[in-house]
């Protein structure tokens, strides 16, 4: 099975933070952001595998800065590494205030997806080929995160 470049899995989504997306402080609800992150990551995984992909786990979502009502939220996802039937997808989130001309990296997340066949059974997929230094770093770090995930699961 030939590999596919990380760049071939990139998905970018932009959402506008509306009043129904916010809490009483006018900040984007964490659950709403997690929903958008899951969708963006699933699209990236499916783009890479050319199959339906399901969320297996969410490792970590770091909230660096609040996202405010009226901000444009851009999510950028790509496959970091492929294992046998699972893959890690990384998502970066940016908030933009067009009026002020500001753009801030607000969140990062790592999710694990599994590609499934017509019978909803896990299947192997294309290896990912990192090209840039950043892609190679994320590829290497994904292996350590996987080891940590498996160790935590085995110790539970």
N, C-alpha and C. Protein backbone atom coordinates (compact mmCIF):
# COMPACT_ATOMS: atom_id res chain seq x y z
N UNK A 1 0.86 -1.18 0.00
CA UNK A 1 0.00 0.00 0.00
C UNK A 1 0.90 1.24 0.00
N UNK A 2 0.76 2.07 -1.00
CA UNK A 2 1.56 3.29 -1.09
C UNK A 2 1.13 4.30 -0.05
N UNK A 3 2.08 5.11 0.38
CA UNK A 3 1.78 6.14 1.36
C UNK A 3 1.19 7.38 0.73
N UNK A 4 0.68 8.26 1.59
CA UNK A 4 0.14 9.54 1.16
C UNK A 4 0.78 10.63 2.01
N UNK A 5 1.04 11.75 1.40
CA UNK A 5 1.68 12.87 2.09
C UNK A 5 0.75 13.46 3.15
N UNK A 6 1.34 13.96 4.23
CA UNK A 6 0.56 14.66 5.27
C UNK A 6 -0.25 15.78 4.63
N UNK A 7 0.37 16.50 3.71
CA UNK A 7 -0.30 17.65 3.08
C UNK A 7 -1.58 17.25 2.35
N UNK A 8 -1.70 15.99 1.96
CA UNK A 8 -2.91 15.52 1.28
C UNK A 8 -4.08 15.33 2.24
N UNK A 9 -3.81 15.35 3.55
CA UNK A 9 -4.87 15.13 4.53
C UNK A 9 -5.36 16.43 5.18
N UNK A 10 -4.80 17.56 4.78
CA UNK A 10 -5.15 18.82 5.44
C UNK A 10 -6.59 19.22 5.14
N UNK A 11 -7.31 19.55 6.22
CA UNK A 11 -8.66 20.08 6.12
C UNK A 11 -8.70 21.36 6.93
N UNK A 12 -9.30 22.40 6.35
CA UNK A 12 -9.44 23.68 7.04
C UNK A 12 -10.92 24.04 7.06
N UNK A 13 -11.41 24.37 8.26
CA UNK A 13 -12.81 24.79 8.44
C UNK A 13 -12.81 26.15 9.11
N UNK A 14 -13.79 26.97 8.77
CA UNK A 14 -13.96 28.25 9.45
C UNK A 14 -15.41 28.36 9.91
N UNK A 15 -15.57 28.74 11.16
CA UNK A 15 -16.89 28.91 11.78
C UNK A 15 -16.95 30.30 12.40
N UNK A 16 -18.14 30.86 12.46
CA UNK A 16 -18.37 32.14 13.11
C UNK A 16 -19.00 31.88 14.47
N UNK A 17 -18.45 32.48 15.53
CA UNK A 17 -19.00 32.30 16.88
C UNK A 17 -20.22 33.19 17.02
N UNK A 18 -21.38 32.54 17.14
CA UNK A 18 -22.67 33.21 17.28
C UNK A 18 -23.14 33.13 18.73
N UNK A 19 -24.15 33.92 19.09
CA UNK A 19 -24.60 33.92 20.49
C UNK A 19 -24.96 32.53 21.04
N UNK A 20 -25.56 31.67 20.22
CA UNK A 20 -25.93 30.33 20.72
C UNK A 20 -24.72 29.42 20.92
N UNK A 21 -23.52 29.85 20.55
CA UNK A 21 -22.29 29.09 20.75
C UNK A 21 -21.56 29.50 22.03
N UNK A 22 -22.08 30.49 22.75
CA UNK A 22 -21.31 31.08 23.86
C UNK A 22 -21.92 30.82 25.23
N UNK A 23 -21.07 31.02 26.25
CA UNK A 23 -21.53 30.95 27.63
C UNK A 23 -21.93 32.35 28.11
N UNK A 24 -22.19 32.50 29.41
CA UNK A 24 -22.64 33.78 29.95
C UNK A 24 -21.57 34.86 29.89
N UNK A 25 -20.32 34.48 29.67
CA UNK A 25 -19.23 35.45 29.58
C UNK A 25 -18.96 35.90 28.14
N UNK A 26 -19.72 35.34 27.20
CA UNK A 26 -19.51 35.67 25.79
C UNK A 26 -18.37 34.91 25.16
N UNK A 27 -17.94 33.82 25.82
CA UNK A 27 -16.87 32.97 25.30
C UNK A 27 -17.46 31.72 24.65
N UNK A 28 -16.79 31.24 23.62
CA UNK A 28 -17.21 30.01 22.96
C UNK A 28 -17.26 28.86 23.96
N UNK A 29 -18.35 28.11 23.95
CA UNK A 29 -18.47 26.94 24.80
C UNK A 29 -17.44 25.88 24.41
N UNK A 30 -16.81 25.28 25.41
CA UNK A 30 -15.82 24.24 25.14
C UNK A 30 -16.40 23.08 24.38
N UNK A 31 -17.63 22.69 24.71
CA UNK A 31 -18.28 21.58 24.01
C UNK A 31 -18.52 21.87 22.54
N UNK A 32 -18.86 23.12 22.23
CA UNK A 32 -19.07 23.50 20.83
C UNK A 32 -17.75 23.39 20.06
N UNK A 33 -16.67 23.88 20.69
CA UNK A 33 -15.37 23.79 20.04
C UNK A 33 -14.97 22.33 19.85
N UNK A 34 -15.22 21.49 20.85
CA UNK A 34 -14.87 20.07 20.72
C UNK A 34 -15.64 19.43 19.57
N UNK A 35 -16.90 19.83 19.39
CA UNK A 35 -17.70 19.32 18.28
C UNK A 35 -17.04 19.69 16.94
N UNK A 36 -16.66 20.97 16.80
CA UNK A 36 -16.01 21.41 15.55
C UNK A 36 -14.68 20.69 15.35
N UNK A 37 -13.91 20.51 16.41
CA UNK A 37 -12.62 19.81 16.32
C UNK A 37 -12.84 18.38 15.83
N UNK A 38 -13.83 17.69 16.38
CA UNK A 38 -14.11 16.31 15.99
C UNK A 38 -14.49 16.22 14.52
N UNK A 39 -15.31 17.14 14.06
CA UNK A 39 -15.72 17.14 12.65
C UNK A 39 -14.52 17.38 11.74
N UNK A 40 -13.72 18.38 12.05
CA UNK A 40 -12.56 18.71 11.22
C UNK A 40 -11.58 17.55 11.18
N UNK A 41 -11.32 16.94 12.33
CA UNK A 41 -10.39 15.81 12.40
C UNK A 41 -10.93 14.60 11.63
N UNK A 42 -12.23 14.33 11.75
CA UNK A 42 -12.83 13.21 11.04
C UNK A 42 -12.73 13.40 9.52
N UNK A 43 -12.92 14.63 9.08
CA UNK A 43 -12.79 14.91 7.64
C UNK A 43 -11.36 14.69 7.17
N UNK A 44 -10.40 15.09 7.98
CA UNK A 44 -8.99 14.89 7.63
C UNK A 44 -8.67 13.40 7.55
N UNK A 45 -9.12 12.63 8.53
CA UNK A 45 -8.88 11.18 8.53
C UNK A 45 -9.52 10.53 7.30
N UNK A 46 -10.76 10.92 6.99
CA UNK A 46 -11.45 10.36 5.84
C UNK A 46 -10.80 10.76 4.53
N UNK A 47 -10.29 11.98 4.48
CA UNK A 47 -9.60 12.45 3.27
C UNK A 47 -8.35 11.59 3.04
N UNK A 48 -7.65 11.27 4.13
CA UNK A 48 -6.43 10.45 4.02
C UNK A 48 -6.76 9.01 3.62
N UNK A 49 -7.77 8.43 4.25
CA UNK A 49 -8.06 7.01 4.06
C UNK A 49 -8.99 6.71 2.89
N UNK A 50 -9.75 7.72 2.48
CA UNK A 50 -10.79 7.54 1.47
C UNK A 50 -11.87 6.58 1.97
N UNK A 51 -12.10 6.62 3.28
CA UNK A 51 -13.10 5.78 3.92
C UNK A 51 -13.79 6.56 5.03
N UNK A 52 -14.86 6.00 5.54
CA UNK A 52 -15.49 6.56 6.73
C UNK A 52 -14.54 6.29 7.90
N UNK A 53 -14.35 7.28 8.75
CA UNK A 53 -13.49 7.13 9.92
C UNK A 53 -14.29 7.50 11.16
N UNK A 54 -14.05 6.75 12.24
CA UNK A 54 -14.75 6.97 13.49
C UNK A 54 -13.76 7.39 14.56
N UNK A 55 -14.24 8.21 15.48
CA UNK A 55 -13.40 8.68 16.58
C UNK A 55 -13.19 7.54 17.56
N UNK A 56 -11.93 7.23 17.85
CA UNK A 56 -11.60 6.20 18.83
C UNK A 56 -11.27 6.82 20.18
N UNK A 57 -10.60 7.98 20.16
CA UNK A 57 -10.28 8.66 21.41
C UNK A 57 -9.90 10.10 21.14
N UNK A 58 -10.03 10.88 22.19
CA UNK A 58 -9.54 12.26 22.18
C UNK A 58 -8.54 12.35 23.32
N UNK A 59 -7.29 12.60 22.97
CA UNK A 59 -6.22 12.65 23.98
C UNK A 59 -6.32 13.86 24.86
N UNK A 60 -6.32 14.97 24.20
CA UNK A 60 -6.05 16.19 24.92
C UNK A 60 -6.52 17.36 24.08
N UNK A 61 -7.16 18.28 24.74
CA UNK A 61 -7.49 19.55 24.09
C UNK A 61 -7.01 20.64 25.04
N UNK A 62 -6.06 21.40 24.57
CA UNK A 62 -5.52 22.49 25.38
C UNK A 62 -6.24 23.78 25.02
N UNK A 63 -6.72 24.50 26.05
CA UNK A 63 -7.38 25.79 25.86
C UNK A 63 -6.39 26.87 26.29
N UNK A 64 -5.78 27.54 25.33
CA UNK A 64 -4.77 28.57 25.61
C UNK A 64 -5.38 29.95 25.84
N UNK A 65 -6.41 30.29 25.06
CA UNK A 65 -7.05 31.60 25.12
C UNK A 65 -8.55 31.44 24.87
N UNK A 66 -9.37 32.27 25.50
CA UNK A 66 -10.81 32.21 25.21
C UNK A 66 -11.09 32.71 23.80
N UNK A 67 -12.17 32.18 23.23
CA UNK A 67 -12.62 32.62 21.91
C UNK A 67 -13.92 33.38 22.14
N UNK A 68 -14.00 34.58 21.60
CA UNK A 68 -15.09 35.49 21.90
C UNK A 68 -16.20 35.47 20.84
N UNK A 69 -17.38 35.87 21.28
CA UNK A 69 -18.51 36.08 20.39
C UNK A 69 -18.09 36.97 19.22
N UNK A 70 -18.42 36.57 18.01
CA UNK A 70 -18.08 37.35 16.82
C UNK A 70 -16.76 36.98 16.19
N UNK A 71 -15.94 36.19 16.89
CA UNK A 71 -14.67 35.75 16.29
C UNK A 71 -14.92 34.74 15.18
N UNK A 72 -14.05 34.72 14.21
CA UNK A 72 -14.01 33.66 13.22
C UNK A 72 -13.04 32.61 13.76
N UNK A 73 -13.46 31.36 13.78
CA UNK A 73 -12.64 30.27 14.29
C UNK A 73 -12.20 29.42 13.12
N UNK A 74 -10.90 29.29 12.94
CA UNK A 74 -10.36 28.46 11.87
C UNK A 74 -9.70 27.24 12.50
N UNK A 75 -10.09 26.08 12.03
CA UNK A 75 -9.54 24.81 12.50
C UNK A 75 -8.76 24.20 11.35
N UNK A 76 -7.56 23.72 11.65
CA UNK A 76 -6.71 23.10 10.63
C UNK A 76 -6.31 21.72 11.16
N UNK A 77 -6.68 20.68 10.42
CA UNK A 77 -6.40 19.31 10.83
C UNK A 77 -5.56 18.60 9.79
N UNK A 78 -4.72 17.68 10.26
CA UNK A 78 -3.97 16.80 9.36
C UNK A 78 -3.58 15.54 10.11
N UNK A 79 -3.36 14.47 9.34
CA UNK A 79 -2.95 13.19 9.92
C UNK A 79 -1.48 13.30 10.32
N UNK A 80 -1.20 12.99 11.59
CA UNK A 80 0.18 13.03 12.08
C UNK A 80 0.91 11.71 11.85
N UNK A 81 0.21 10.60 12.08
CA UNK A 81 0.84 9.29 11.94
C UNK A 81 -0.24 8.23 11.80
N UNK A 82 0.07 7.19 11.03
CA UNK A 82 -0.84 6.06 10.86
C UNK A 82 -0.20 4.85 11.51
N UNK A 83 -1.02 4.10 12.25
CA UNK A 83 -0.56 2.85 12.86
C UNK A 83 -1.21 1.72 12.06
N UNK A 84 -1.58 0.61 12.64
CA UNK A 84 -2.14 -0.48 11.84
C UNK A 84 -3.54 -0.12 11.33
N UNK A 85 -4.49 0.06 12.23
CA UNK A 85 -5.84 0.42 11.81
C UNK A 85 -6.27 1.77 12.37
N UNK A 86 -5.38 2.41 13.11
CA UNK A 86 -5.72 3.72 13.70
C UNK A 86 -4.75 4.78 13.20
N UNK A 87 -5.13 6.01 13.42
CA UNK A 87 -4.26 7.12 13.03
C UNK A 87 -4.48 8.28 14.00
N UNK A 88 -3.43 9.05 14.22
CA UNK A 88 -3.56 10.25 15.03
C UNK A 88 -3.74 11.45 14.12
N UNK A 89 -4.72 12.28 14.47
CA UNK A 89 -4.97 13.52 13.74
C UNK A 89 -4.75 14.67 14.71
N UNK A 90 -3.99 15.65 14.29
CA UNK A 90 -3.77 16.85 15.08
C UNK A 90 -4.62 17.99 14.54
N UNK A 91 -5.15 18.81 15.45
CA UNK A 91 -5.96 19.96 15.05
C UNK A 91 -5.44 21.19 15.77
N UNK A 92 -5.22 22.24 15.01
CA UNK A 92 -4.87 23.55 15.57
C UNK A 92 -6.05 24.48 15.34
N UNK A 93 -6.32 25.31 16.35
CA UNK A 93 -7.47 26.22 16.29
C UNK A 93 -6.96 27.65 16.43
N UNK A 94 -7.48 28.52 15.57
CA UNK A 94 -7.11 29.94 15.59
C UNK A 94 -8.38 30.78 15.67
N UNK A 95 -8.34 31.84 16.47
CA UNK A 95 -9.47 32.78 16.55
C UNK A 95 -9.03 34.09 15.91
N UNK A 96 -9.89 34.62 15.06
CA UNK A 96 -9.59 35.90 14.41
C UNK A 96 -10.67 36.92 14.73
N UNK A 97 -10.21 38.12 15.03
CA UNK A 97 -11.11 39.25 15.17
C UNK A 97 -10.82 40.15 13.98
N UNK A 98 -11.70 40.14 13.01
CA UNK A 98 -11.47 40.89 11.78
C UNK A 98 -11.44 42.39 12.02
N UNK A 99 -12.24 42.86 12.97
CA UNK A 99 -12.29 44.29 13.27
C UNK A 99 -10.96 44.79 13.81
N UNK A 100 -10.37 44.01 14.71
CA UNK A 100 -9.08 44.39 15.30
C UNK A 100 -7.89 43.93 14.48
N UNK A 101 -8.13 43.02 13.55
CA UNK A 101 -7.03 42.50 12.73
C UNK A 101 -6.12 41.56 13.51
N UNK A 102 -6.69 40.81 14.48
CA UNK A 102 -5.87 39.91 15.29
C UNK A 102 -6.19 38.45 14.97
N UNK A 103 -5.17 37.62 15.13
CA UNK A 103 -5.31 36.17 14.95
C UNK A 103 -4.48 35.50 16.03
N UNK A 104 -5.12 34.61 16.81
CA UNK A 104 -4.45 33.98 17.95
C UNK A 104 -4.64 32.47 17.89
N UNK A 105 -3.54 31.73 18.14
CA UNK A 105 -3.64 30.26 18.28
C UNK A 105 -4.26 29.99 19.64
N UNK A 106 -5.47 29.45 19.64
CA UNK A 106 -6.21 29.29 20.90
C UNK A 106 -6.21 27.87 21.44
N UNK A 107 -6.13 26.87 20.57
CA UNK A 107 -6.28 25.50 21.02
C UNK A 107 -5.49 24.54 20.14
N UNK A 108 -5.14 23.41 20.75
CA UNK A 108 -4.55 22.28 20.04
C UNK A 108 -5.23 21.02 20.54
N UNK A 109 -5.36 20.03 19.67
CA UNK A 109 -6.01 18.78 20.07
C UNK A 109 -5.41 17.62 19.28
N UNK A 110 -5.42 16.45 19.93
CA UNK A 110 -4.98 15.20 19.29
C UNK A 110 -6.10 14.19 19.43
N UNK A 111 -6.48 13.59 18.31
CA UNK A 111 -7.55 12.62 18.30
C UNK A 111 -7.08 11.36 17.56
N UNK A 112 -7.64 10.23 17.94
CA UNK A 112 -7.34 8.98 17.26
C UNK A 112 -8.59 8.53 16.51
N UNK A 113 -8.40 8.16 15.26
CA UNK A 113 -9.49 7.69 14.41
C UNK A 113 -9.15 6.31 13.86
N UNK A 114 -10.20 5.58 13.53
CA UNK A 114 -10.08 4.27 12.89
C UNK A 114 -10.89 4.32 11.61
N UNK A 115 -10.29 3.85 10.53
CA UNK A 115 -11.06 3.78 9.28
C UNK A 115 -11.76 2.43 9.25
N UNK A 116 -13.00 2.45 8.76
CA UNK A 116 -13.81 1.23 8.74
C UNK A 116 -14.28 0.91 7.33
N UNK A 117 -14.54 -0.38 7.11
CA UNK A 117 -15.03 -0.82 5.81
C UNK A 117 -16.56 -0.80 5.78
N UNK A 118 -17.13 -1.37 4.74
CA UNK A 118 -18.58 -1.36 4.56
C UNK A 118 -19.31 -2.09 5.69
N UNK A 119 -18.61 -3.02 6.36
CA UNK A 119 -19.19 -3.78 7.47
C UNK A 119 -18.87 -3.15 8.82
N UNK A 120 -18.36 -1.94 8.79
CA UNK A 120 -18.00 -1.19 10.00
C UNK A 120 -16.88 -1.86 10.79
N UNK A 121 -16.02 -2.60 10.08
CA UNK A 121 -14.87 -3.27 10.70
C UNK A 121 -13.61 -2.45 10.41
N UNK A 122 -12.71 -2.34 11.41
CA UNK A 122 -11.47 -1.58 11.20
C UNK A 122 -10.63 -2.18 10.06
N UNK A 123 -10.04 -1.29 9.27
CA UNK A 123 -9.18 -1.73 8.17
C UNK A 123 -7.89 -0.92 8.17
N UNK A 124 -6.85 -1.55 7.65
CA UNK A 124 -5.58 -0.85 7.51
C UNK A 124 -5.72 0.24 6.46
N UNK A 125 -4.87 1.24 6.57
CA UNK A 125 -4.95 2.33 5.61
C UNK A 125 -3.55 2.73 5.15
N UNK A 126 -3.51 3.73 4.31
CA UNK A 126 -2.25 4.21 3.74
C UNK A 126 -1.32 4.75 4.83
N UNK A 127 -0.05 4.41 4.76
CA UNK A 127 0.91 5.08 5.66
C UNK A 127 0.94 6.57 5.32
N UNK A 128 1.35 7.38 6.28
CA UNK A 128 1.47 8.81 6.02
C UNK A 128 2.95 9.14 5.82
N UNK A 129 3.20 10.05 4.91
CA UNK A 129 4.58 10.44 4.59
C UNK A 129 4.81 11.88 5.03
N UNK A 130 5.54 12.08 6.14
CA UNK A 130 5.86 13.45 6.55
C UNK A 130 6.99 14.00 5.69
N UNK A 131 6.86 15.26 5.28
CA UNK A 131 7.88 15.87 4.42
C UNK A 131 8.63 17.01 5.11
N UNK A 132 7.91 17.90 5.75
CA UNK A 132 8.55 19.06 6.37
C UNK A 132 9.11 18.69 7.74
N UNK A 133 9.95 19.55 8.29
CA UNK A 133 10.50 19.31 9.62
C UNK A 133 9.39 19.25 10.66
N UNK A 134 8.39 20.13 10.55
CA UNK A 134 7.26 20.12 11.48
C UNK A 134 6.47 18.82 11.37
N UNK A 135 6.22 18.36 10.16
CA UNK A 135 5.49 17.11 9.96
C UNK A 135 6.28 15.93 10.53
N UNK A 136 7.59 15.94 10.35
CA UNK A 136 8.43 14.86 10.89
C UNK A 136 8.43 14.88 12.41
N UNK A 137 8.46 16.07 13.01
CA UNK A 137 8.41 16.19 14.47
C UNK A 137 7.09 15.64 14.99
N UNK A 138 5.98 16.06 14.35
CA UNK A 138 4.66 15.58 14.78
C UNK A 138 4.53 14.06 14.59
N UNK A 139 5.10 13.55 13.52
CA UNK A 139 5.12 12.10 13.24
C UNK A 139 5.82 11.36 14.38
N UNK A 140 7.00 11.84 14.77
CA UNK A 140 7.75 11.22 15.86
C UNK A 140 7.03 11.34 17.20
N UNK A 141 6.50 12.51 17.49
CA UNK A 141 5.80 12.73 18.77
C UNK A 141 4.52 11.89 18.86
N UNK A 142 3.88 11.61 17.73
CA UNK A 142 2.65 10.81 17.72
C UNK A 142 2.91 9.40 18.24
N UNK A 143 4.08 8.86 17.96
CA UNK A 143 4.41 7.52 18.44
C UNK A 143 4.48 7.52 19.97
N UNK A 144 5.10 8.53 20.56
CA UNK A 144 5.18 8.60 22.02
C UNK A 144 3.80 8.78 22.64
N UNK A 145 2.96 9.62 22.02
CA UNK A 145 1.61 9.80 22.53
C UNK A 145 0.83 8.48 22.47
N UNK A 146 1.03 7.71 21.40
CA UNK A 146 0.36 6.40 21.29
C UNK A 146 0.82 5.47 22.39
N UNK A 147 2.12 5.43 22.63
CA UNK A 147 2.65 4.59 23.72
C UNK A 147 2.03 4.99 25.05
N UNK A 148 1.93 6.29 25.29
CA UNK A 148 1.32 6.79 26.54
C UNK A 148 -0.15 6.38 26.63
N UNK A 149 -0.89 6.50 25.52
CA UNK A 149 -2.30 6.10 25.49
C UNK A 149 -2.47 4.64 25.83
N UNK A 150 -1.65 3.80 25.19
CA UNK A 150 -1.75 2.35 25.40
C UNK A 150 -1.36 1.98 26.83
N UNK A 151 -0.35 2.64 27.37
CA UNK A 151 0.07 2.37 28.75
C UNK A 151 -1.04 2.74 29.73
N UNK A 152 -1.67 3.89 29.52
CA UNK A 152 -2.78 4.30 30.39
C UNK A 152 -3.94 3.32 30.30
N UNK A 153 -4.22 2.87 29.08
CA UNK A 153 -5.33 1.92 28.88
C UNK A 153 -5.03 0.60 29.57
N UNK A 154 -3.79 0.14 29.49
CA UNK A 154 -3.41 -1.13 30.10
C UNK A 154 -3.35 -1.05 31.62
N UNK A 155 -3.15 0.14 32.17
CA UNK A 155 -3.08 0.32 33.62
C UNK A 155 -4.44 0.64 34.23
N UNK A 156 -5.46 0.76 33.40
CA UNK A 156 -6.80 1.09 33.93
C UNK A 156 -7.54 -0.12 34.43
